[in-house]
């Protein structure tokens, strides 16, 4: 007897999963950001040392990921608000999902070019 799952990989399910993952990632970024910014009151030298460790290509890639996460989370959040509060929202949720993906891509490509250019100037 094969075991069946409720989820079959529908795009709506993956948008739900990605929304949760991006929300958690943004939360942890904000937590670290508040903690390292608070360090300036304790020890400005320690703060400068910690911030200095962020000036690496890996952190630059993480910044790109942060921009991608914040943009997706914001756009999908608008979609969820429309699904919840617009009478026709559930009917058009799939089209709005593809709209979110399209807008995300249209904004991310130039953002990655700008961030990549800054990273190239800093690290090459």
C-alpha atoms as a PDB file:
ATOM      1  CA  UNK A   1       0.000   0.000   0.000  1.00  0.00           C
ATOM      2  CA  UNK A   2       1.550   3.282  -1.076  1.00  0.00           C
ATOM      3  CA  UNK A   3       1.529   6.172   1.293  1.00  0.00           C
ATOM      4  CA  UNK A   4      -0.055   9.311  -0.146  1.00  0.00           C
ATOM      5  CA  UNK A   5       0.597  12.833   0.949  1.00  0.00           C
ATOM      6  CA  UNK A   6      -1.813  15.714   1.083  1.00  0.00           C
ATOM      7  CA  UNK A   7       0.643  17.954  -0.765  1.00  0.00           C
ATOM      8  CA  UNK A   8       1.366  17.320  -4.395  1.00  0.00           C
ATOM      9  CA  UNK A   9       3.756  20.170  -5.126  1.00  0.00           C
ATOM     10  CA  UNK A  10       1.182  22.771  -6.110  1.00  0.00           C
ATOM     11  CA  UNK A  11       2.741  26.221  -6.663  1.00  0.00           C
ATOM     12  CA  UNK A  12       0.516  27.640  -3.921  1.00  0.00           C
ATOM     13  CA  UNK A  13       2.037  25.190  -1.441  1.00  0.00           C
ATOM     14  CA  UNK A  14       5.570  26.173  -2.454  1.00  0.00           C
ATOM     15  CA  UNK A  15       4.715  29.868  -2.136  1.00  0.00           C
ATOM     16  CA  UNK A  16       3.474  29.134   1.403  1.00  0.00           C
ATOM     17  CA  UNK A  17       6.713  27.299   2.250  1.00  0.00           C
ATOM     18  CA  UNK A  18       8.888  30.021   0.717  1.00  0.00           C
ATOM     19  CA  UNK A  19       6.938  32.717   2.561  1.00  0.00           C
ATOM     20  CA  UNK A  20       7.668  30.989   5.882  1.00  0.00           C
ATOM     21  CA  UNK A  21      11.349  30.450   5.050  1.00  0.00           C
ATOM     22  CA  UNK A  22      11.868  34.065   3.960  1.00  0.00           C
ATOM     23  CA  UNK A  23      10.034  35.306   7.056  1.00  0.00           C
ATOM     24  CA  UNK A  24      12.278  33.263   9.346  1.00  0.00           C
ATOM     25  CA  UNK A  25      15.414  34.379   7.481  1.00  0.00           C
ATOM     26  CA  UNK A  26      14.414  38.045   7.746  1.00  0.00           C
ATOM     27  CA  UNK A  27      13.659  37.594  11.453  1.00  0.00           C
ATOM     28  CA  UNK A  28      17.089  36.103  12.144  1.00  0.00           C
ATOM     29  CA  UNK A  29      18.792  38.844  10.125  1.00  0.00           C
ATOM     30  CA  UNK A  30      16.980  41.489  12.162  1.00  0.00           C
ATOM     31  CA  UNK A  31      17.898  39.735  15.405  1.00  0.00           C
ATOM     32  CA  UNK A  32      21.596  39.673  14.499  1.00  0.00           C
ATOM     33  CA  UNK A  33      21.402  43.253  13.224  1.00  0.00           C
ATOM     34  CA  UNK A  34      19.887  44.528  16.485  1.00  0.00           C
ATOM     35  CA  UNK A  35      22.424  42.605  18.566  1.00  0.00           C
ATOM     36  CA  UNK A  36      25.472  43.790  16.632  1.00  0.00           C
ATOM     37  CA  UNK A  37      24.178  47.368  16.538  1.00  0.00           C
ATOM     38  CA  UNK A  38      23.618  47.261  20.302  1.00  0.00           C
ATOM     39  CA  UNK A  39      27.267  46.257  20.668  1.00  0.00           C
ATOM     40  CA  UNK A  40      28.296  49.832  19.792  1.00  0.00           C
ATOM     41  CA  UNK A  41      27.028  50.991  23.207  1.00  0.00           C
ATOM     42  CA  UNK A  42      29.007  48.299  25.015  1.00  0.00           C
ATOM     43  CA  UNK A  43      32.275  48.590  23.133  1.00  0.00           C
ATOM     44  CA  UNK A  44      32.796  50.669  19.970  1.00  0.00           C
ATOM     45  CA  UNK A  45      36.034  48.761  19.286  1.00  0.00           C
ATOM     46  CA  UNK A  46      34.251  45.406  19.440  1.00  0.00           C
ATOM     47  CA  UNK A  47      31.505  46.803  17.208  1.00  0.00           C
ATOM     48  CA  UNK A  48      34.067  47.914  14.616  1.00  0.00           C
ATOM     49  CA  UNK A  49      35.710  44.508  14.754  1.00  0.00           C
ATOM     50  CA  UNK A  50      32.399  42.674  14.257  1.00  0.00           C
ATOM     51  CA  UNK A  51      31.338  44.952  11.402  1.00  0.00           C
ATOM     52  CA  UNK A  52      34.768  44.444   9.834  1.00  0.00           C
ATOM     53  CA  UNK A  53      34.104  40.703   9.636  1.00  0.00           C
ATOM     54  CA  UNK A  54      31.044  41.453   7.475  1.00  0.00           C
ATOM     55  CA  UNK A  55      33.159  42.892   4.660  1.00  0.00           C
ATOM     56  CA  UNK A  56      33.641  39.605   2.804  1.00  0.00           C
ATOM     57  CA  UNK A  57      32.296  38.240  -0.491  1.00  0.00           C
ATOM     58  CA  UNK A  58      30.266  35.593   1.388  1.00  0.00           C
ATOM     59  CA  UNK A  59      28.423  38.273   3.339  1.00  0.00           C
ATOM     60  CA  UNK A  60      27.934  40.160   0.062  1.00  0.00           C
ATOM     61  CA  UNK A  61      26.174  37.099  -1.343  1.00  0.00           C
ATOM     62  CA  UNK A  62      24.122  36.882   1.834  1.00  0.00           C
ATOM     63  CA  UNK A  63      23.082  40.519   1.293  1.00  0.00           C
ATOM     64  CA  UNK A  64      21.852  39.558  -2.170  1.00  0.00           C
ATOM     65  CA  UNK A  65      19.876  36.730  -0.587  1.00  0.00           C
ATOM     66  CA  UNK A  66      18.441  39.148   1.956  1.00  0.00           C
ATOM     67  CA  UNK A  67      17.253  41.496  -0.799  1.00  0.00           C
ATOM     68  CA  UNK A  68      15.678  38.540  -2.610  1.00  0.00           C
ATOM     69  CA  UNK A  69      13.985  37.331   0.586  1.00  0.00           C
ATOM     70  CA  UNK A  70      12.622  40.744   1.593  1.00  0.00           C
ATOM     71  CA  UNK A  71      11.320  41.436  -1.915  1.00  0.00           C
ATOM     72  CA  UNK A  72       9.586  38.050  -2.227  1.00  0.00           C
ATOM     73  CA  UNK A  73       8.176  38.234   1.295  1.00  0.00           C
ATOM     74  CA  UNK A  74       6.762  41.723   0.674  1.00  0.00           C
ATOM     75  CA  UNK A  75       5.234  40.899  -2.706  1.00  0.00           C
ATOM     76  CA  UNK A  76       3.770  37.604  -1.534  1.00  0.00           C
ATOM     77  CA  UNK A  77       2.439  39.346   1.578  1.00  0.00           C
ATOM     78  CA  UNK A  78       0.489  41.746  -0.631  1.00  0.00           C
ATOM     79  CA  UNK A  79      -0.838  38.733  -2.541  1.00  0.00           C
ATOM     80  CA  UNK A  80      -1.938  37.092   0.720  1.00  0.00           C
ATOM     81  CA  UNK A  81      -3.693  40.261   1.846  1.00  0.00           C
ATOM     82  CA  UNK A  82      -5.573  40.352  -1.462  1.00  0.00           C
ATOM     83  CA  UNK A  83      -6.533  36.681  -1.132  1.00  0.00           C
ATOM     84  CA  UNK A  84      -7.833  37.268   2.400  1.00  0.00           C
ATOM     85  CA  UNK A  85      -9.604  40.599   2.000  1.00  0.00           C
ATOM     86  CA  UNK A  86     -10.640  40.808  -1.659  1.00  0.00           C
ATOM     87  CA  UNK A  87     -13.776  38.887  -2.511  1.00  0.00           C
ATOM     88  CA  UNK A  88     -12.269  37.668  -5.800  1.00  0.00           C
ATOM     89  CA  UNK A  89      -8.853  36.962  -4.264  1.00  0.00           C
ATOM     90  CA  UNK A  90      -9.146  33.181  -3.958  1.00  0.00           C
ATOM     91  CA  UNK A  91     -10.306  32.917  -7.564  1.00  0.00           C
ATOM     92  CA  UNK A  92      -7.250  34.802  -8.848  1.00  0.00           C
ATOM     93  CA  UNK A  93      -4.668  33.530  -6.354  1.00  0.00           C
ATOM     94  CA  UNK A  94      -2.754  31.514  -8.968  1.00  0.00           C
ATOM     95  CA  UNK A  95      -2.563  34.425 -11.418  1.00  0.00           C
ATOM     96  CA  UNK A  96      -1.435  36.696  -8.582  1.00  0.00           C
ATOM     97  CA  UNK A  97       1.272  34.160  -7.707  1.00  0.00           C
ATOM     98  CA  UNK A  98       2.645  34.347 -11.251  1.00  0.00           C
ATOM     99  CA  UNK A  99       2.388  38.136 -11.011  1.00  0.00           C
ATOM    100  CA  UNK A 100       4.462  38.050  -7.805  1.00  0.00           C
ATOM    101  CA  UNK A 101       7.055  35.864  -9.549  1.00  0.00           C
ATOM    102  CA  UNK A 102       7.166  38.199 -12.565  1.00  0.00           C
ATOM    103  CA  UNK A 103       7.521  41.396 -10.521  1.00  0.00           C
ATOM    104  CA  UNK A 104      10.112  39.712  -8.292  1.00  0.00           C
ATOM    105  CA  UNK A 105      12.170  38.768 -11.341  1.00  0.00           C
ATOM    106  CA  UNK A 106      11.801  42.212 -12.950  1.00  0.00           C
ATOM    107  CA  UNK A 107      13.043  43.911  -9.783  1.00  0.00           C
ATOM    108  CA  UNK A 108      15.675  41.334  -8.778  1.00  0.00           C
ATOM    109  CA  UNK A 109      17.613  41.374 -12.052  1.00  0.00           C
ATOM    110  CA  UNK A 110      18.525  45.092 -11.844  1.00  0.00           C
ATOM    111  CA  UNK A 111      19.041  44.817  -8.078  1.00  0.00           C
ATOM    112  CA  UNK A 112      21.505  41.975  -8.582  1.00  0.00           C
ATOM    113  CA  UNK A 113      23.324  43.984 -11.229  1.00  0.00           C
ATOM    114  CA  UNK A 114      23.689  46.925  -8.835  1.00  0.00           C
ATOM    115  CA  UNK A 115      24.721  44.739  -5.888  1.00  0.00           C
ATOM    116  CA  UNK A 116      27.081  42.724  -8.077  1.00  0.00           C
ATOM    117  CA  UNK A 117      28.715  45.889  -9.379  1.00  0.00           C
ATOM    118  CA  UNK A 118      29.284  47.134  -5.835  1.00  0.00           C
ATOM    119  CA  UNK A 119      30.708  43.770  -4.826  1.00  0.00           C
ATOM    120  CA  UNK A 120      33.017  43.709  -7.842  1.00  0.00           C
ATOM    121  CA  UNK A 121      34.302  47.204  -6.991  1.00  0.00           C
ATOM    122  CA  UNK A 122      34.910  46.200  -3.390  1.00  0.00           C
ATOM    123  CA  UNK A 123      36.407  42.727  -3.825  1.00  0.00           C
ATOM    124  CA  UNK A 124      38.070  42.646  -7.269  1.00  0.00           C
END
